[in-house]
Amino acid sequence: MKKRRVAITGLGLINPYGEGDVEDFFARIMRGESAVRYHTLSNSPRPLALPLVACSHFNPIAVLGPPLANAMDRFSHFAVASALSAWQDSGLAKHSNRDDYGVSWGTGSGGSLTIERGYQTLYFENKEKVSPLSIVLAMNNSAASHIAMQLGLGGPCITSTVACASSSVAIGEAFRRIREGAVNLMLVGGSEAPLSYGVIRAWQAMRVLSEGDATTAYRACRPFSENRAGLTLAEGAAALVIEDWEHACARGARIYAEIAGYGTTCDRTHIARPDSGGQARAIASALADGGLHPHEIDYVNAHGTSTVEGDAIEIQSIKTIFGEHAGKLAVSATKSMHGHSLGAASAIEALITTLALYHQAIPPTANVTEIGADCAGVDHVLSKGRSNVPVRAALSNSFAFGGSNAVLAFRSVTSS
């Protein structure tokens, strides 16, 4: 059976910089602006302040209304708001035949704020009961279910929880369903709201968080830098509408880019330490799945979290697959600006990669003055993005705890 092509026709996100749309977000990313700020956690039972990306401007009641907002965890607020924005952007707002349209969503920890609130009620406030909505707010699939209910999508409703690769897996598995003819259109993406006392303390215990003060917080995340010092936690969401190419053309949709391939592997070596072999296999799998040769890739949006070991291993993986072409391959890690929103990060990066293809522009890695010797060998795009450059095809890498790797391959409309 002939494989169908898959178009990206709608984009939406919760902008960590404020109330702007996806174009405002991409423009700020291209300028190398960091959204990282020094935050004092408002929901903390004890003092806690560190560099974070918090979407403090976001008001779920203004977007969703009180009854609906009160029936959701914050990660679902983000999910529904970004999904509604992507749906409107796709031009499908008045479309009525939605029985075979689906949702595929990613989240690493689901309603962690609801869970922590329940613990505080039981153990700090010594109350006997928690909210009767606790289960339906906290369950990982609640975001996807709320999206489906708000948009009337009656097709498959799937949630992927694969740590930091959650959204890439959600997008990739939906891509395969469309390509194989099982469904015509799916709303995909991911959301995360991990900025709670318990979650942050757990990440601090692993010694992978970048620390800093109010004056240096904006440059706390420095992927590939000689002095990189850990990741910066973030909250947020991004959503994409993806659909059968002919279906999109028939309704006159704007096509941002094409999803061309998807590869996923397991390191099978360690629960938390990344492995170059597993990552390289995922990159090779995505290229083969998309019928792409390494020399056709002009840009890689790296997983690049700013950890000492992780960044070096990812560059090693890229060089393994791309060989001599690696030296000409533009690479950047946009988490340096929008932070690491765990299960939602790969959806945000898929959106950025899509816009890079659409605008023929390559975003930078911010905050880096000197590339680490163990991260050399690729064309690092630093400080400011590159505009009006040929971007025929691009990859978005996502490498997660548990050894799960997911890579998405994208092709520009002009190259397809």
Protein backbone atom coordinates (compact mmCIF):
# COMPACT_ATOMS: atom_id res chain seq x y z
CA MET A 1 0.00 0.00 0.00
CA LYS A 2 1.29 3.46 -0.92
CA LYS A 3 2.28 5.54 2.09
CA ARG A 4 0.43 8.82 2.40
CA ARG A 5 2.25 12.10 2.97
CA VAL A 6 1.59 13.97 6.20
CA ALA A 7 1.24 17.77 6.32
CA ILE A 8 1.49 20.14 9.29
CA THR A 9 -1.35 22.64 8.97
CA GLY A 10 -1.85 24.20 12.40
CA LEU A 11 0.36 25.43 15.24
CA GLY A 12 -0.41 26.63 18.76
CA LEU A 13 1.47 27.03 22.01
CA ILE A 14 1.55 28.64 25.41
CA ASN A 15 4.16 31.31 24.80
CA PRO A 16 6.62 31.47 27.71
CA TYR A 17 7.44 35.07 26.78
CA GLY A 18 3.88 36.35 27.24
CA GLU A 19 0.68 36.60 25.25
CA GLY A 20 2.19 36.51 21.74
CA ASP A 21 1.38 33.96 19.05
CA VAL A 22 3.67 31.34 17.50
CA GLU A 23 5.26 33.93 15.19
CA ASP A 24 6.12 36.17 18.14
CA PHE A 25 7.59 33.15 19.91
CA PHE A 26 9.70 32.15 16.90
CA ALA A 27 10.93 35.72 16.40
CA ARG A 28 12.14 35.84 20.01
CA ILE A 29 13.81 32.45 19.64
CA MET A 30 15.54 33.67 16.47
CA ARG A 31 16.85 36.70 18.38
CA GLY A 32 18.29 34.45 21.07
CA GLU A 33 16.05 35.84 23.84
CA SER A 34 15.88 33.74 26.98
CA ALA A 35 12.57 33.24 28.80
CA VAL A 36 14.38 31.93 31.89
CA ARG A 37 13.85 34.05 34.99
CA TYR A 38 14.64 33.73 38.69
CA HIS A 39 11.39 32.62 40.30
CA THR A 40 10.28 32.16 43.87
CA LEU A 41 7.89 29.23 43.82
CA SER A 42 4.46 30.44 44.92
CA ASN A 43 3.02 26.99 45.68
CA SER A 44 5.96 25.93 47.85
CA PRO A 45 5.55 24.88 51.50
CA ARG A 46 9.16 26.02 52.08
CA PRO A 47 11.27 28.76 50.46
CA LEU A 48 12.52 27.78 47.01
CA ALA A 49 13.88 30.08 44.32
CA LEU A 50 15.88 29.24 41.20
CA PRO A 51 16.01 29.83 37.42
CA LEU A 52 12.81 28.56 35.78
CA VAL A 53 10.54 29.17 32.81
CA ALA A 54 7.13 29.83 34.32
CA CYS A 55 4.14 30.90 32.22
CA SER A 56 2.96 33.29 34.93
CA HIS A 57 0.99 35.41 32.47
CA PHE A 58 -1.31 32.49 31.55
CA ASN A 59 -4.82 32.82 33.01
CA PRO A 60 -6.80 29.59 32.48
CA ILE A 61 -10.07 31.13 33.65
CA ALA A 62 -9.82 33.88 31.03
CA VAL A 63 -9.17 31.28 28.30
CA LEU A 64 -11.43 28.43 29.38
CA GLY A 65 -13.96 29.92 31.78
CA PRO A 66 -14.32 29.08 35.52
CA PRO A 67 -16.25 25.76 35.38
CA LEU A 68 -13.90 24.13 32.86
CA ALA A 69 -10.71 25.60 34.32
CA ASN A 70 -11.63 24.41 37.81
CA ALA A 71 -12.09 20.86 36.50
CA MET A 72 -8.52 20.60 35.13
CA ASP A 73 -4.95 20.40 36.34
CA ARG A 74 -2.59 23.07 35.02
CA PHE A 75 -1.06 20.70 32.47
CA SER A 76 -4.53 20.22 30.98
CA HIS A 77 -5.10 24.00 30.96
CA PHE A 78 -1.98 24.32 28.82
CA ALA A 79 -3.04 21.44 26.60
CA VAL A 80 -6.52 22.69 25.78
CA ALA A 81 -5.42 26.30 25.28
CA SER A 82 -2.62 25.35 22.85
CA ALA A 83 -4.87 22.86 21.06
CA LEU A 84 -7.64 25.43 20.52
CA SER A 85 -5.05 27.83 19.12
CA ALA A 86 -3.62 25.22 16.72
CA TRP A 87 -7.11 24.22 15.59
CA GLN A 88 -8.00 27.82 14.80
CA ASP A 89 -4.68 28.30 13.00
CA SER A 90 -5.39 25.25 10.85
CA GLY A 91 -8.57 26.78 9.42
CA LEU A 92 -10.66 23.89 10.73
CA ALA A 93 -12.67 25.91 13.26
CA LYS A 94 -15.97 25.44 11.40
CA HIS A 95 -15.34 21.92 10.17
CA SER A 96 -18.13 19.57 11.21
CA ASN A 97 -16.99 16.04 10.29
CA ARG A 98 -14.75 15.17 13.24
CA ASP A 99 -15.65 11.54 13.97
CA ASP A 100 -12.44 10.21 12.45
CA TYR A 101 -10.13 12.96 13.73
CA GLY A 102 -8.06 12.07 16.77
CA VAL A 103 -5.72 13.29 19.51
CA SER A 104 -2.23 12.06 20.35
CA TRP A 105 -0.74 13.86 23.34
CA GLY A 106 2.45 13.61 25.36
CA THR A 107 3.15 14.30 29.02
CA GLY A 108 5.80 13.02 31.35
CA SER A 109 4.15 13.52 34.72
CA GLY A 110 0.53 14.49 34.02
CA GLY A 111 -1.23 16.22 36.87
CA SER A 112 1.71 16.44 39.26
CA LEU A 113 0.39 19.68 40.79
CA THR A 114 -2.86 17.94 41.75
CA ILE A 115 -0.95 15.05 43.29
CA GLU A 116 1.26 17.37 45.31
CA ARG A 117 -1.73 19.42 46.41
CA GLY A 118 -3.32 16.21 47.71
CA TYR A 119 -0.19 15.31 49.67
CA GLN A 120 -0.07 18.77 51.21
CA THR A 121 -3.73 18.50 52.21
CA LEU A 122 -3.18 15.11 53.86
CA TYR A 123 0.24 15.52 55.44
CA PHE A 124 0.83 19.25 55.95
CA GLU A 125 -2.71 20.37 56.74
CA ASN A 126 -3.63 17.06 58.44
CA LYS A 127 -6.98 16.84 56.68
CA GLU A 128 -8.71 13.54 56.08
CA LYS A 129 -10.03 14.16 52.57
CA VAL A 130 -8.67 15.38 49.27
CA SER A 131 -10.63 16.80 46.33
CA PRO A 132 -13.05 14.29 44.79
CA LEU A 133 -11.70 15.40 41.40
CA SER A 134 -8.13 14.38 42.28
CA ILE A 135 -8.03 11.26 40.12
CA VAL A 136 -9.55 12.79 36.98
CA LEU A 137 -7.36 15.89 37.31
CA ALA A 138 -4.14 13.96 37.86
CA MET A 139 -4.45 11.12 35.35
CA ASN A 140 -2.04 11.49 32.44
CA ASN A 141 -4.70 11.03 29.76
CA SER A 142 -6.95 13.81 31.07
CA ALA A 143 -5.35 16.45 28.80
CA ALA A 144 -5.99 14.43 25.63
CA SER A 145 -9.53 13.69 26.76
CA HIS A 146 -10.29 17.35 27.42
CA ILE A 147 -8.92 18.30 23.98
CA ALA A 148 -11.14 15.70 22.34
CA MET A 149 -14.19 16.90 24.25
CA GLN A 150 -13.59 20.57 23.51
CA LEU A 151 -13.10 20.00 19.79
CA GLY A 152 -15.49 17.08 19.35
CA LEU A 153 -12.81 14.74 18.05
CA GLY A 154 -14.21 11.22 17.96
CA GLY A 155 -11.22 9.28 16.60
CA PRO A 156 -8.36 7.73 18.58
CA CYS A 157 -7.46 9.55 21.79
CA ILE A 158 -3.96 8.49 22.85
CA THR A 159 -1.54 9.58 25.56
CA SER A 160 2.20 8.84 25.45
CA THR A 161 4.28 8.99 28.62
CA VAL A 162 7.92 8.45 27.71
CA ALA A 163 9.64 10.98 29.97
CA CYS A 164 11.28 13.73 27.90
CA ALA A 165 10.46 11.98 24.62
CA SER A 166 6.71 11.88 25.35
CA SER A 167 5.60 14.44 22.77
CA SER A 168 7.89 13.19 20.00
CA VAL A 169 6.49 9.71 20.48
CA ALA A 170 2.94 11.11 20.49
CA ILE A 171 3.60 12.98 17.24
CA GLY A 172 5.44 10.08 15.63
CA GLU A 173 2.80 7.48 16.40
CA ALA A 174 0.05 9.78 15.08
CA PHE A 175 2.14 10.43 11.97
CA ARG A 176 2.28 6.69 11.31
CA ARG A 177 -1.48 6.30 11.73
CA ILE A 178 -2.13 9.02 9.16
CA ARG A 179 0.53 7.77 6.76
CA GLU A 180 -0.91 4.27 6.86
CA GLY A 181 -4.46 5.46 6.22
CA ALA A 182 -5.98 4.68 9.61
CA VAL A 183 -7.06 8.31 10.16
CA ASN A 184 -7.04 11.55 8.17
CA LEU A 185 -6.18 14.11 10.81
CA MET A 186 -4.86 14.27 14.37
CA LEU A 187 -4.18 17.01 16.84
CA VAL A 188 -0.82 16.25 18.44
CA GLY A 189 1.57 17.78 20.93
CA GLY A 190 2.33 17.80 24.63
CA SER A 191 1.99 19.72 27.88
CA GLU A 192 3.68 19.76 31.26
CA ALA A 193 3.27 21.67 34.53
CA PRO A 194 6.16 20.40 36.69
CA LEU A 195 6.91 23.51 38.73
CA SER A 196 5.99 22.16 42.13
CA TYR A 197 8.11 21.92 45.26
CA GLY A 198 8.33 18.14 45.24
CA VAL A 199 9.16 17.80 41.55
CA ILE A 200 11.85 20.47 41.67
CA ARG A 201 13.42 18.97 44.79
CA ALA A 202 13.52 15.59 43.06
CA TRP A 203 15.37 17.07 40.08
CA GLN A 204 17.75 18.89 42.42
CA ALA A 205 18.50 15.59 44.14
CA MET A 206 19.72 14.22 40.80
CA ARG A 207 22.16 17.18 40.57
CA VAL A 208 21.12 18.07 37.02
CA LEU A 209 19.48 21.48 37.61
CA SER A 210 21.31 24.68 36.76
CA GLU A 211 21.44 27.02 39.74
CA GLY A 212 21.91 30.78 39.60
CA ASP A 213 20.83 34.11 41.00
CA ALA A 214 18.48 36.84 39.85
CA THR A 215 21.15 38.61 37.80
CA THR A 216 22.35 35.55 35.85
CA ALA A 217 19.19 33.44 35.63
CA TYR A 218 18.50 34.23 31.96
CA ARG A 219 21.70 32.43 30.92
CA ALA A 220 21.42 29.51 33.33
CA CYS A 221 20.88 27.03 30.47
CA ARG A 222 23.97 26.80 28.20
CA PRO A 223 23.85 23.67 26.04
CA PHE A 224 27.16 22.54 24.50
CA SER A 225 29.03 25.26 26.39
CA GLU A 226 32.40 24.63 27.98
CA ASN A 227 30.86 25.77 31.30
CA ARG A 228 27.41 24.17 30.94
CA ALA A 229 25.95 23.39 34.34
CA GLY A 230 22.60 21.66 34.01
CA LEU A 231 19.07 22.04 32.74
CA THR A 232 16.41 24.64 33.53
CA LEU A 233 12.93 23.35 34.32
CA ALA A 234 9.98 24.86 32.45
CA GLU A 235 6.25 24.55 32.08
CA GLY A 236 4.23 24.92 28.89
CA ALA A 237 2.67 23.26 25.87
CA ALA A 238 2.64 23.12 22.09
CA ALA A 239 0.12 21.64 19.68
CA LEU A 240 0.22 20.80 15.97
CA VAL A 241 -2.52 19.79 13.55
CA ILE A 242 -1.21 17.10 11.22
CA GLU A 243 -3.17 15.55 8.38
CA ASP A 244 -3.11 13.58 5.16
CA TRP A 245 -1.50 15.75 2.47
CA GLU A 246 -4.34 15.31 -0.04
CA HIS A 247 -6.91 16.00 2.68
CA ALA A 248 -5.09 19.28 3.47
CA CYS A 249 -4.83 20.30 -0.17
CA ALA A 250 -8.49 19.53 -0.84
CA ARG A 251 -9.60 22.00 1.82
CA GLY A 252 -7.07 24.63 0.76
CA ALA A 253 -5.07 24.48 3.98
CA ARG A 254 -1.80 26.31 4.53
CA ILE A 255 0.94 23.70 4.85
CA TYR A 256 3.84 24.69 7.10
CA ALA A 257 5.97 21.62 6.45
CA GLU A 258 5.82 17.87 5.99
CA ILE A 259 6.55 15.22 8.60
CA ALA A 260 8.71 12.81 6.63
CA GLY A 261 9.97 10.21 9.09
CA TYR A 262 10.06 8.96 12.65
CA GLY A 263 12.50 6.73 14.50
CA THR A 264 12.39 5.40 18.03
CA THR A 265 14.79 3.12 19.91
CA CYS A 266 15.78 2.05 23.40
CA ASP A 267 19.33 2.35 24.70
CA ARG A 268 18.84 -0.83 26.74
CA THR A 269 21.82 0.15 28.89
CA HIS A 270 20.93 2.44 31.81
CA ILE A 271 17.82 4.04 33.31
CA ALA A 272 19.29 7.55 33.43
CA ARG A 273 22.61 7.66 31.54
CA PRO A 274 22.26 8.29 27.77
CA ASP A 275 23.90 6.00 25.23
CA SER A 276 25.26 7.14 21.88
CA GLY A 277 24.50 3.85 20.17
CA GLY A 278 20.79 4.01 20.95
CA GLN A 279 20.56 7.65 19.92
CA ALA A 280 22.39 7.04 16.65
CA ARG A 281 20.04 4.18 15.80
CA ALA A 282 17.03 6.47 16.35
CA ILE A 283 18.51 9.14 14.06
CA ALA A 284 19.29 6.55 11.38
CA SER A 285 15.79 5.09 11.72
CA ALA A 286 14.11 8.48 11.24
CA LEU A 287 16.21 9.17 8.14
CA ALA A 288 15.46 5.76 6.63
CA ASP A 289 11.76 6.07 7.47
CA GLY A 290 11.62 9.40 5.66
CA GLY A 291 13.70 8.30 2.68
CA LEU A 292 16.25 10.97 3.55
CA HIS A 293 20.01 10.85 3.09
CA PRO A 294 22.18 12.45 5.80
CA HIS A 295 23.47 15.11 3.38
CA GLU A 296 19.87 16.31 2.80
CA ILE A 297 19.54 17.40 6.44
CA ASP A 298 20.40 21.07 6.90
CA TYR A 299 19.40 21.51 10.55
CA VAL A 300 19.12 19.50 13.76
CA ASN A 301 17.12 20.82 16.69
CA ALA A 302 19.10 19.00 19.36
CA HIS A 303 17.77 17.57 22.60
CA GLY A 304 20.58 19.63 24.20
CA THR A 305 19.60 20.00 27.85
CA SER A 306 22.88 21.57 29.04
CA THR A 307 24.02 18.59 31.11
CA VAL A 308 27.71 17.76 30.95
CA GLU A 309 27.35 14.14 29.87
CA GLY A 310 24.15 14.36 27.83
CA ASP A 311 25.27 17.12 25.45
CA ALA A 312 28.56 15.43 24.62
CA ILE A 313 26.90 12.09 23.92
CA GLU A 314 24.33 13.69 21.62
CA ILE A 315 27.04 15.37 19.53
CA GLN A 316 28.84 12.03 19.34
CA SER A 317 25.61 10.41 18.10
CA ILE A 318 25.13 13.08 15.44
CA LYS A 319 28.71 12.71 14.19
CA THR A 320 28.33 8.93 14.06
CA ILE A 321 25.43 9.19 11.60
CA PHE A 322 26.42 12.26 9.60
CA GLY A 323 30.14 11.64 9.25
CA GLU A 324 31.86 14.33 7.20
CA HIS A 325 28.56 16.17 6.70
CA ALA A 326 28.41 16.82 10.48
CA GLY A 327 30.85 19.70 10.08
CA LYS A 328 28.39 21.46 7.75
CA LEU A 329 25.30 20.49 9.73
CA ALA A 330 23.64 23.39 11.59
CA VAL A 331 22.83 22.36 15.16
CA SER A 332 21.15 24.31 17.94
CA ALA A 333 19.50 23.65 21.29
CA THR A 334 16.55 25.95 21.82
CA LYS A 335 16.04 24.77 25.42
CA SER A 336 18.65 27.44 26.15
CA MET A 337 15.75 29.90 25.75
CA HIS A 338 12.46 28.10 26.45
CA GLY A 339 13.83 25.74 29.09
CA HIS A 340 13.16 22.05 29.53
CA SER A 341 9.46 21.35 29.91
CA LEU A 342 10.08 17.60 30.14
CA GLY A 343 7.29 15.74 28.31
CA ALA A 344 6.21 18.91 26.48
CA ALA A 345 9.68 19.95 25.32
CA SER A 346 9.72 17.85 22.17
CA ALA A 347 6.36 19.30 21.06
CA ILE A 348 7.74 22.82 21.46
CA GLU A 349 10.86 21.80 19.55
CA ALA A 350 8.80 20.16 16.79
CA LEU A 351 6.91 23.45 16.45
CA ILE A 352 10.20 25.39 16.27
CA THR A 353 11.61 22.99 13.69
CA THR A 354 8.43 23.33 11.62
CA LEU A 355 8.74 27.12 11.64
CA ALA A 356 12.44 26.86 10.75
CA LEU A 357 11.43 25.02 7.59
CA TYR A 358 8.51 27.33 6.89
CA HIS A 359 10.61 30.50 7.22
CA GLN A 360 13.85 28.99 5.89
CA ALA A 361 15.63 30.12 9.04
CA ILE A 362 17.71 28.40 11.70
CA PRO A 363 17.33 29.32 15.39
CA PRO A 364 20.37 29.56 17.69
CA THR A 365 21.67 28.16 20.93
CA ALA A 366 21.75 31.08 23.37
CA ASN A 367 24.12 31.94 26.22
CA VAL A 368 27.21 30.17 24.86
CA THR A 369 30.55 31.94 24.55
CA GLU A 370 32.77 28.89 24.12
CA ILE A 371 31.79 25.46 22.80
CA GLY A 372 33.01 22.59 24.94
CA ALA A 373 35.79 20.52 23.41
CA ASP A 374 33.62 17.42 23.81
CA CYS A 375 30.82 19.09 21.79
CA ALA A 376 32.87 20.23 18.79
CA GLY A 377 32.58 18.91 15.24
CA VAL A 378 29.24 20.33 14.09
CA ASP A 379 28.16 23.77 12.85
CA HIS A 380 26.85 25.28 16.09
CA VAL A 381 24.47 28.20 15.52
CA LEU A 382 25.13 30.58 18.41
CA SER A 383 23.57 33.74 19.87
CA LYS A 384 21.41 34.80 16.90
CA GLY A 385 19.51 32.78 14.33
CA ARG A 386 20.31 32.61 10.62
CA SER A 387 17.65 33.94 8.25
CA ASN A 388 17.19 33.32 4.52
CA VAL A 389 19.20 30.10 4.50
CA PRO A 390 18.24 26.89 2.70
CA VAL A 391 16.59 24.39 5.06
CA ARG A 392 15.50 21.43 2.95
CA ALA A 393 14.99 18.96 5.77
CA ALA A 394 15.53 18.93 9.52
CA LEU A 395 15.53 16.63 12.52
CA SER A 396 14.20 17.13 16.04
CA ASN A 397 15.93 14.92 18.62
CA SER A 398 14.37 13.78 21.90
CA PHE A 399 16.31 11.53 24.28
CA ALA A 400 14.68 10.50 27.55
CA PHE A 401 15.39 8.86 30.88
CA GLY A 402 14.69 5.17 30.57
CA GLY A 403 16.85 5.09 27.46
CA SER A 404 13.96 6.00 25.16
CA ASN A 405 14.96 7.90 22.02
CA ALA A 406 12.62 9.50 19.48
CA VAL A 407 13.61 11.48 16.39
CA LEU A 408 11.26 13.27 14.00
CA ALA A 409 12.28 14.13 10.45
CA PHE A 410 10.70 17.10 8.67
CA ARG A 411 10.83 18.25 5.06
CA SER A 412 10.14 21.75 3.73
CA VAL A 413 7.24 22.28 1.36
CA THR A 414 9.57 23.76 -1.26
CA SER A 415 11.75 20.63 -1.16
CA SER A 416 8.91 18.11 -1.29
